[in-house]
């Protein structure tokens, strides 16, 4: 199962890439273009993208009208979750 790393700040999703991807470059590009340097980001690793969150899932990001949660192939998902099993 493919897991993803998310970079989030103040309710804005800056990056969602497979765990093995170069998240640092994606963060640098997204923050430098839109917000400048010095932004505090929450980095969440090992998230599973899904359209249905289960009762034991920790939801780390939920799609909103202002952001799309896309996987490496461009498929859209509603949630990024951490799963215990």
Protein backbone atom coordinates (compact mmCIF):
# COMPACT_ATOMS: atom_id res chain seq x y z
CA UNK A 1 0.00 0.00 0.00
CA UNK A 2 1.38 3.42 -1.02
CA UNK A 3 1.65 5.97 1.78
CA UNK A 4 2.10 9.72 1.44
CA UNK A 5 3.80 12.65 3.13
CA UNK A 6 1.77 15.83 3.56
CA UNK A 7 2.99 19.36 4.32
CA UNK A 8 0.28 21.46 6.00
CA UNK A 9 0.19 24.95 7.52
CA UNK A 10 -2.76 26.92 8.86
CA UNK A 11 -5.31 24.76 7.05
CA UNK A 12 -3.47 24.90 3.72
CA UNK A 13 -2.13 21.76 2.06
CA UNK A 14 1.21 22.64 0.45
CA UNK A 15 2.34 19.22 -0.72
CA UNK A 16 1.15 15.62 -0.93
CA UNK A 17 3.76 13.24 -2.31
CA UNK A 18 4.61 9.56 -1.97
CA UNK A 19 6.75 8.97 1.13
CA UNK A 20 9.83 8.20 -0.96
CA UNK A 21 9.57 11.46 -3.02
CA UNK A 22 11.65 14.60 -2.43
CA UNK A 23 9.22 16.47 -0.18
CA UNK A 24 11.82 19.12 0.72
CA UNK A 25 12.00 20.39 -2.88
CA UNK A 26 8.21 20.45 -3.21
CA UNK A 27 7.87 22.39 0.05
CA UNK A 28 10.55 24.88 -0.96
CA UNK A 29 8.89 25.50 -4.32
CA UNK A 30 5.36 25.84 -2.90
CA UNK A 31 6.28 28.11 0.00
CA UNK A 32 8.75 30.32 -1.86
CA UNK A 33 6.30 31.05 -4.66
CA UNK A 34 3.21 31.63 -2.52
CA UNK A 35 4.25 32.56 0.99
CA UNK A 36 7.97 33.25 1.23
CA UNK A 37 10.41 31.48 3.47
CA UNK A 38 9.99 30.98 7.23
CA UNK A 39 6.57 29.30 7.13
CA UNK A 40 6.00 26.70 9.86
CA UNK A 41 4.78 23.48 8.30
CA UNK A 42 3.42 20.35 9.89
CA UNK A 43 4.89 17.32 8.10
CA UNK A 44 2.79 14.17 8.26
CA UNK A 45 4.40 10.96 6.97
CA UNK A 46 2.82 7.59 6.34
CA UNK A 47 -0.67 8.81 5.47
CA UNK A 48 -3.05 6.66 3.45
CA UNK A 49 -5.29 8.41 0.90
CA UNK A 50 -8.89 7.21 0.98
CA UNK A 51 -12.46 8.24 0.21
CA UNK A 52 -13.86 6.78 3.44
CA UNK A 53 -12.29 7.23 6.87
CA UNK A 54 -12.79 4.32 9.25
CA UNK A 55 -13.65 4.57 12.95
CA UNK A 56 -10.03 3.85 14.00
CA UNK A 57 -8.45 6.16 11.42
CA UNK A 58 -6.79 9.40 12.47
CA UNK A 59 -7.81 11.97 9.84
CA UNK A 60 -4.80 14.20 9.14
CA UNK A 61 -6.30 16.04 6.17
CA UNK A 62 -9.76 16.33 4.66
CA UNK A 63 -10.45 17.67 1.18
CA UNK A 64 -12.10 21.07 1.09
CA UNK A 65 -13.41 23.37 -1.65
CA UNK A 66 -10.03 25.16 -1.53
CA UNK A 67 -7.81 22.10 -1.90
CA UNK A 68 -7.66 18.83 -3.75
CA UNK A 69 -5.99 15.76 -2.33
CA UNK A 70 -4.37 13.96 -5.25
CA UNK A 71 -2.23 10.83 -5.41
CA UNK A 72 0.84 10.35 -7.62
CA UNK A 73 -1.39 9.33 -10.55
CA UNK A 74 -3.67 12.37 -10.19
CA UNK A 75 -6.62 10.51 -8.63
CA UNK A 76 -8.63 12.58 -6.17
CA UNK A 77 -9.32 11.47 -2.57
CA UNK A 78 -11.38 12.92 0.27
CA UNK A 79 -9.13 12.01 3.23
CA UNK A 80 -5.54 11.42 4.24
CA UNK A 81 -5.51 9.18 7.32
CA UNK A 82 -3.13 7.34 9.59
CA UNK A 83 -4.23 3.76 10.03
CA UNK A 84 -3.37 1.64 13.01
CA UNK A 85 -3.69 -1.65 11.07
